[in-house]
Amino acid sequence: MRIHIISLVAFFSVIVGGCTWVKPSPDADQIIIVPADRVADCKKLGEISSYTKAKVAGVSRKAAKVKSELETLAKIEAAEMGADTLVVATLVQDGRQTFIGYRCRI
């Protein structure tokens, strides 16, 4: 019985670790993420807070997947606010990250 439970947990971890929950929109694909020193001549539009699951059923998801999803979510929201550029404001923590949206291109 114990071996079956361990096998199920291992299988579930592999499956969940490979999942991508967020799909980008065409507008979001146009948004770029740049360092803060590249937005001096841009108009600041606002702060964007992204959240995704860092753990599923107690199993940690891969950090790269979580980071990618947070960026995709931020790009979707940036497109909705009319931004074309994002700057990372905080590091990823517990599936959360903050960005600042800017309009740099005319």
N, C-alpha and C. Protein backbone atom coordinates (compact mmCIF):
# COMPACT_ATOMS: atom_id res chain seq x y z
N MET A 1 0.83 -1.20 0.00
CA MET A 1 0.00 0.00 0.00
C MET A 1 0.87 1.26 0.00
N ARG A 2 1.89 1.28 0.84
CA ARG A 2 2.76 2.45 0.95
C ARG A 2 3.49 2.71 -0.37
N ILE A 3 3.91 1.65 -1.07
CA ILE A 3 4.59 1.79 -2.35
C ILE A 3 3.65 2.40 -3.38
N HIS A 4 2.38 2.04 -3.34
CA HIS A 4 1.40 2.59 -4.27
C HIS A 4 1.22 4.09 -4.04
N ILE A 5 1.16 4.50 -2.82
CA ILE A 5 1.01 5.92 -2.49
C ILE A 5 2.24 6.70 -2.95
N ILE A 6 3.42 6.18 -2.67
CA ILE A 6 4.65 6.85 -3.10
C ILE A 6 4.69 6.94 -4.62
N SER A 7 4.32 5.88 -5.30
CA SER A 7 4.29 5.88 -6.77
C SER A 7 3.31 6.92 -7.31
N LEU A 8 2.14 7.00 -6.70
CA LEU A 8 1.15 7.98 -7.14
C LEU A 8 1.64 9.41 -6.91
N VAL A 9 2.25 9.66 -5.78
CA VAL A 9 2.77 11.00 -5.49
C VAL A 9 3.87 11.36 -6.48
N ALA A 10 4.77 10.43 -6.77
CA ALA A 10 5.85 10.67 -7.73
C ALA A 10 5.28 10.93 -9.12
N PHE A 11 4.32 10.14 -9.54
CA PHE A 11 3.69 10.32 -10.85
C PHE A 11 3.00 11.67 -10.93
N PHE A 12 2.22 12.00 -9.91
CA PHE A 12 1.51 13.27 -9.88
C PHE A 12 2.48 14.45 -9.91
N SER A 13 3.61 14.34 -9.22
CA SER A 13 4.62 15.40 -9.20
C SER A 13 5.17 15.66 -10.59
N VAL A 14 5.42 14.60 -11.33
CA VAL A 14 5.95 14.74 -12.69
C VAL A 14 4.91 15.39 -13.59
N ILE A 15 3.68 14.95 -13.50
CA ILE A 15 2.61 15.49 -14.33
C ILE A 15 2.37 16.97 -14.01
N VAL A 16 2.22 17.29 -12.75
CA VAL A 16 1.94 18.67 -12.34
C VAL A 16 3.12 19.58 -12.64
N GLY A 17 4.31 19.11 -12.43
CA GLY A 17 5.50 19.93 -12.69
C GLY A 17 5.62 20.36 -14.13
N GLY A 18 5.07 19.60 -15.05
CA GLY A 18 5.16 19.93 -16.46
C GLY A 18 3.98 20.74 -16.98
N CYS A 19 2.98 20.96 -16.18
CA CYS A 19 1.78 21.67 -16.64
C CYS A 19 2.03 23.16 -16.80
N THR A 20 1.40 23.72 -17.81
CA THR A 20 1.38 25.16 -17.98
C THR A 20 -0.07 25.58 -17.89
N TRP A 21 -0.37 26.47 -16.97
CA TRP A 21 -1.74 26.85 -16.70
C TRP A 21 -2.20 28.07 -17.50
N VAL A 22 -1.26 28.92 -17.93
CA VAL A 22 -1.61 30.19 -18.53
C VAL A 22 -1.14 30.23 -19.99
N LYS A 23 -2.04 30.64 -20.87
CA LYS A 23 -1.70 30.78 -22.28
C LYS A 23 -1.70 32.26 -22.63
N PRO A 24 -0.67 32.73 -23.36
CA PRO A 24 -0.60 34.16 -23.72
C PRO A 24 -1.62 34.52 -24.80
N SER A 25 -2.03 35.78 -24.80
CA SER A 25 -2.89 36.30 -25.85
C SER A 25 -2.00 36.94 -26.92
N PRO A 26 -2.52 37.15 -28.13
CA PRO A 26 -1.70 37.78 -29.17
C PRO A 26 -1.15 39.15 -28.75
N ASP A 27 -1.97 39.96 -28.06
CA ASP A 27 -1.50 41.27 -27.60
C ASP A 27 -0.40 41.13 -26.55
N ALA A 28 -0.53 40.15 -25.69
CA ALA A 28 0.46 39.94 -24.62
C ALA A 28 1.81 39.52 -25.20
N ASP A 29 1.79 38.84 -26.33
CA ASP A 29 3.05 38.42 -26.97
C ASP A 29 3.91 39.60 -27.40
N GLN A 30 3.30 40.77 -27.55
CA GLN A 30 4.03 41.96 -27.99
C GLN A 30 4.69 42.72 -26.84
N ILE A 31 4.35 42.39 -25.61
CA ILE A 31 4.88 43.07 -24.43
C ILE A 31 6.29 42.56 -24.15
N ILE A 32 7.20 43.49 -23.83
CA ILE A 32 8.57 43.10 -23.50
C ILE A 32 8.85 43.42 -22.03
N ILE A 33 9.77 42.67 -21.45
CA ILE A 33 10.23 42.90 -20.08
C ILE A 33 11.66 43.40 -20.17
N VAL A 34 11.91 44.57 -19.57
CA VAL A 34 13.23 45.20 -19.65
C VAL A 34 13.71 45.62 -18.27
N PRO A 35 15.01 45.89 -18.12
CA PRO A 35 15.52 46.43 -16.85
C PRO A 35 14.99 47.85 -16.62
N ALA A 36 14.95 48.26 -15.37
CA ALA A 36 14.40 49.57 -15.00
C ALA A 36 15.11 50.74 -15.67
N ASP A 37 16.39 50.59 -15.98
CA ASP A 37 17.12 51.71 -16.59
C ASP A 37 16.74 51.96 -18.05
N ARG A 38 15.88 51.11 -18.62
CA ARG A 38 15.48 51.28 -20.02
C ARG A 38 14.12 51.95 -20.19
N VAL A 39 13.53 52.43 -19.09
CA VAL A 39 12.20 53.05 -19.20
C VAL A 39 12.20 54.53 -18.80
N ALA A 40 13.36 55.16 -18.80
CA ALA A 40 13.46 56.56 -18.38
C ALA A 40 12.59 57.49 -19.23
N ASP A 41 12.44 57.20 -20.50
CA ASP A 41 11.67 58.06 -21.40
C ASP A 41 10.26 57.53 -21.65
N CYS A 42 9.80 56.62 -20.83
CA CYS A 42 8.50 55.98 -21.01
C CYS A 42 7.48 56.54 -20.02
N LYS A 43 6.21 56.34 -20.32
CA LYS A 43 5.14 56.77 -19.43
C LYS A 43 4.74 55.59 -18.54
N LYS A 44 4.82 55.81 -17.23
CA LYS A 44 4.43 54.78 -16.27
C LYS A 44 2.90 54.71 -16.23
N LEU A 45 2.36 53.51 -16.39
CA LEU A 45 0.91 53.33 -16.41
C LEU A 45 0.36 52.70 -15.14
N GLY A 46 1.18 51.93 -14.44
CA GLY A 46 0.68 51.34 -13.21
C GLY A 46 1.36 50.05 -12.82
N GLU A 47 0.98 49.58 -11.63
CA GLU A 47 1.55 48.36 -11.05
C GLU A 47 0.67 47.17 -11.41
N ILE A 48 1.31 46.05 -11.66
CA ILE A 48 0.61 44.81 -12.00
C ILE A 48 1.07 43.73 -11.03
N SER A 49 0.13 43.11 -10.34
CA SER A 49 0.45 42.01 -9.44
C SER A 49 -0.04 40.71 -10.06
N SER A 50 0.85 39.76 -10.19
CA SER A 50 0.51 38.46 -10.77
C SER A 50 0.55 37.39 -9.69
N TYR A 51 -0.31 36.39 -9.84
CA TYR A 51 -0.34 35.27 -8.91
C TYR A 51 -0.65 34.00 -9.68
N THR A 52 0.08 32.94 -9.36
CA THR A 52 -0.20 31.61 -9.88
C THR A 52 0.13 30.60 -8.78
N LYS A 53 -0.32 29.40 -8.95
CA LYS A 53 -0.06 28.36 -7.95
C LYS A 53 1.43 27.99 -7.96
N ALA A 54 2.07 28.07 -6.82
CA ALA A 54 3.46 27.63 -6.68
C ALA A 54 3.50 26.15 -6.26
N LYS A 55 2.42 25.69 -5.65
CA LYS A 55 2.31 24.29 -5.24
C LYS A 55 0.93 23.78 -5.64
N VAL A 56 0.89 22.52 -6.03
CA VAL A 56 -0.38 21.86 -6.33
C VAL A 56 -0.41 20.57 -5.52
N ALA A 57 -1.43 20.44 -4.70
CA ALA A 57 -1.57 19.27 -3.81
C ALA A 57 -0.32 19.07 -2.96
N GLY A 58 0.26 20.19 -2.51
CA GLY A 58 1.43 20.13 -1.65
C GLY A 58 2.75 19.89 -2.36
N VAL A 59 2.70 19.79 -3.69
CA VAL A 59 3.90 19.54 -4.47
C VAL A 59 4.33 20.84 -5.14
N SER A 60 5.58 21.25 -4.93
CA SER A 60 6.09 22.47 -5.54
C SER A 60 6.21 22.31 -7.05
N ARG A 61 5.76 23.33 -7.77
CA ARG A 61 5.90 23.35 -9.22
C ARG A 61 7.29 23.88 -9.56
N LYS A 62 7.75 23.61 -10.76
CA LYS A 62 9.07 24.06 -11.18
C LYS A 62 9.11 25.59 -11.19
N ALA A 63 10.18 26.15 -10.63
CA ALA A 63 10.33 27.60 -10.52
C ALA A 63 10.25 28.28 -11.89
N ALA A 64 10.84 27.68 -12.90
CA ALA A 64 10.82 28.28 -14.24
C ALA A 64 9.40 28.37 -14.79
N LYS A 65 8.57 27.35 -14.52
CA LYS A 65 7.17 27.36 -14.97
C LYS A 65 6.39 28.45 -14.25
N VAL A 66 6.58 28.55 -12.94
CA VAL A 66 5.89 29.57 -12.16
C VAL A 66 6.28 30.95 -12.66
N LYS A 67 7.57 31.18 -12.85
CA LYS A 67 8.07 32.48 -13.34
C LYS A 67 7.48 32.81 -14.70
N SER A 68 7.45 31.83 -15.60
CA SER A 68 6.91 32.03 -16.93
C SER A 68 5.43 32.39 -16.87
N GLU A 69 4.68 31.71 -16.04
CA GLU A 69 3.25 32.01 -15.91
C GLU A 69 3.01 33.39 -15.33
N LEU A 70 3.81 33.78 -14.34
CA LEU A 70 3.67 35.12 -13.76
C LEU A 70 3.94 36.19 -14.81
N GLU A 71 4.96 35.98 -15.62
CA GLU A 71 5.27 36.93 -16.69
C GLU A 71 4.15 36.99 -17.72
N THR A 72 3.61 35.83 -18.08
CA THR A 72 2.51 35.80 -19.05
C THR A 72 1.28 36.52 -18.51
N LEU A 73 0.94 36.27 -17.25
CA LEU A 73 -0.20 36.96 -16.64
C LEU A 73 0.02 38.47 -16.61
N ALA A 74 1.23 38.89 -16.27
CA ALA A 74 1.55 40.32 -16.24
C ALA A 74 1.46 40.93 -17.64
N LYS A 75 1.92 40.20 -18.64
CA LYS A 75 1.84 40.70 -20.02
C LYS A 75 0.40 40.84 -20.48
N ILE A 76 -0.46 39.90 -20.10
CA ILE A 76 -1.88 39.99 -20.45
C ILE A 76 -2.49 41.24 -19.83
N GLU A 77 -2.22 41.47 -18.56
CA GLU A 77 -2.76 42.65 -17.88
C GLU A 77 -2.15 43.94 -18.45
N ALA A 78 -0.86 43.89 -18.78
CA ALA A 78 -0.20 45.06 -19.36
C ALA A 78 -0.86 45.45 -20.68
N ALA A 79 -1.15 44.47 -21.51
CA ALA A 79 -1.82 44.74 -22.79
C ALA A 79 -3.18 45.38 -22.56
N GLU A 80 -3.90 44.91 -21.55
CA GLU A 80 -5.22 45.46 -21.24
C GLU A 80 -5.14 46.91 -20.77
N MET A 81 -4.04 47.29 -20.10
CA MET A 81 -3.89 48.67 -19.62
C MET A 81 -3.24 49.58 -20.65
N GLY A 82 -2.85 49.02 -21.79
CA GLY A 82 -2.23 49.84 -22.84
C GLY A 82 -0.72 49.94 -22.73
N ALA A 83 -0.12 49.14 -21.89
CA ALA A 83 1.34 49.15 -21.75
C ALA A 83 1.96 48.29 -22.84
N ASP A 84 3.21 48.58 -23.16
CA ASP A 84 3.94 47.76 -24.12
C ASP A 84 5.24 47.23 -23.53
N THR A 85 5.53 47.65 -22.30
CA THR A 85 6.79 47.30 -21.65
C THR A 85 6.54 47.05 -20.17
N LEU A 86 7.24 46.07 -19.62
CA LEU A 86 7.17 45.77 -18.19
C LEU A 86 8.55 45.81 -17.56
N VAL A 87 8.57 46.20 -16.29
CA VAL A 87 9.77 46.13 -15.46
C VAL A 87 9.42 45.30 -14.24
N VAL A 88 10.28 44.37 -13.89
CA VAL A 88 10.07 43.55 -12.70
C VAL A 88 10.27 44.43 -11.47
N ALA A 89 9.27 44.45 -10.58
CA ALA A 89 9.36 45.26 -9.36
C ALA A 89 9.74 44.42 -8.14
N THR A 90 9.33 43.14 -8.12
CA THR A 90 9.67 42.26 -7.00
C THR A 90 10.06 40.89 -7.54
N LEU A 91 10.80 40.16 -6.74
CA LEU A 91 11.15 38.79 -7.09
C LEU A 91 9.94 37.88 -6.85
N VAL A 92 9.96 36.72 -7.45
CA VAL A 92 8.89 35.74 -7.24
C VAL A 92 8.93 35.24 -5.80
N GLN A 93 7.76 35.27 -5.16
CA GLN A 93 7.66 34.77 -3.79
C GLN A 93 6.29 34.13 -3.61
N ASP A 94 6.28 32.85 -3.31
CA ASP A 94 5.04 32.10 -3.08
C ASP A 94 4.06 32.24 -4.25
N GLY A 95 4.57 32.22 -5.47
CA GLY A 95 3.71 32.31 -6.65
C GLY A 95 3.19 33.71 -6.94
N ARG A 96 3.83 34.72 -6.35
CA ARG A 96 3.43 36.11 -6.56
C ARG A 96 4.61 36.93 -7.07
N GLN A 97 4.31 37.90 -7.94
CA GLN A 97 5.33 38.81 -8.42
C GLN A 97 4.66 40.10 -8.88
N THR A 98 5.37 41.22 -8.70
CA THR A 98 4.85 42.52 -9.09
C THR A 98 5.70 43.10 -10.22
N PHE A 99 5.02 43.75 -11.15
CA PHE A 99 5.65 44.39 -12.29
C PHE A 99 5.12 45.82 -12.38
N ILE A 100 5.84 46.67 -13.12
CA ILE A 100 5.37 48.02 -13.42
C ILE A 100 5.16 48.09 -14.94
N GLY A 101 3.98 48.57 -15.34
CA GLY A 101 3.67 48.68 -16.77
C GLY A 101 3.99 50.07 -17.29
N TYR A 102 4.58 50.13 -18.47
CA TYR A 102 4.96 51.39 -19.12
C TYR A 102 4.52 51.39 -20.57
N ARG A 103 4.30 52.58 -21.11
CA ARG A 103 4.10 52.75 -22.54
C ARG A 103 5.36 53.46 -23.06
N CYS A 104 6.13 52.75 -23.85
CA CYS A 104 7.39 53.29 -24.35
C CYS A 104 7.34 53.57 -25.85
N ARG A 105 6.63 52.76 -26.58
CA ARG A 105 6.53 52.94 -28.04
C ARG A 105 5.33 53.82 -28.35
N ILE A 106 5.48 54.61 -29.34
CA ILE A 106 4.39 55.55 -29.72
C ILE A 106 3.49 54.92 -30.76
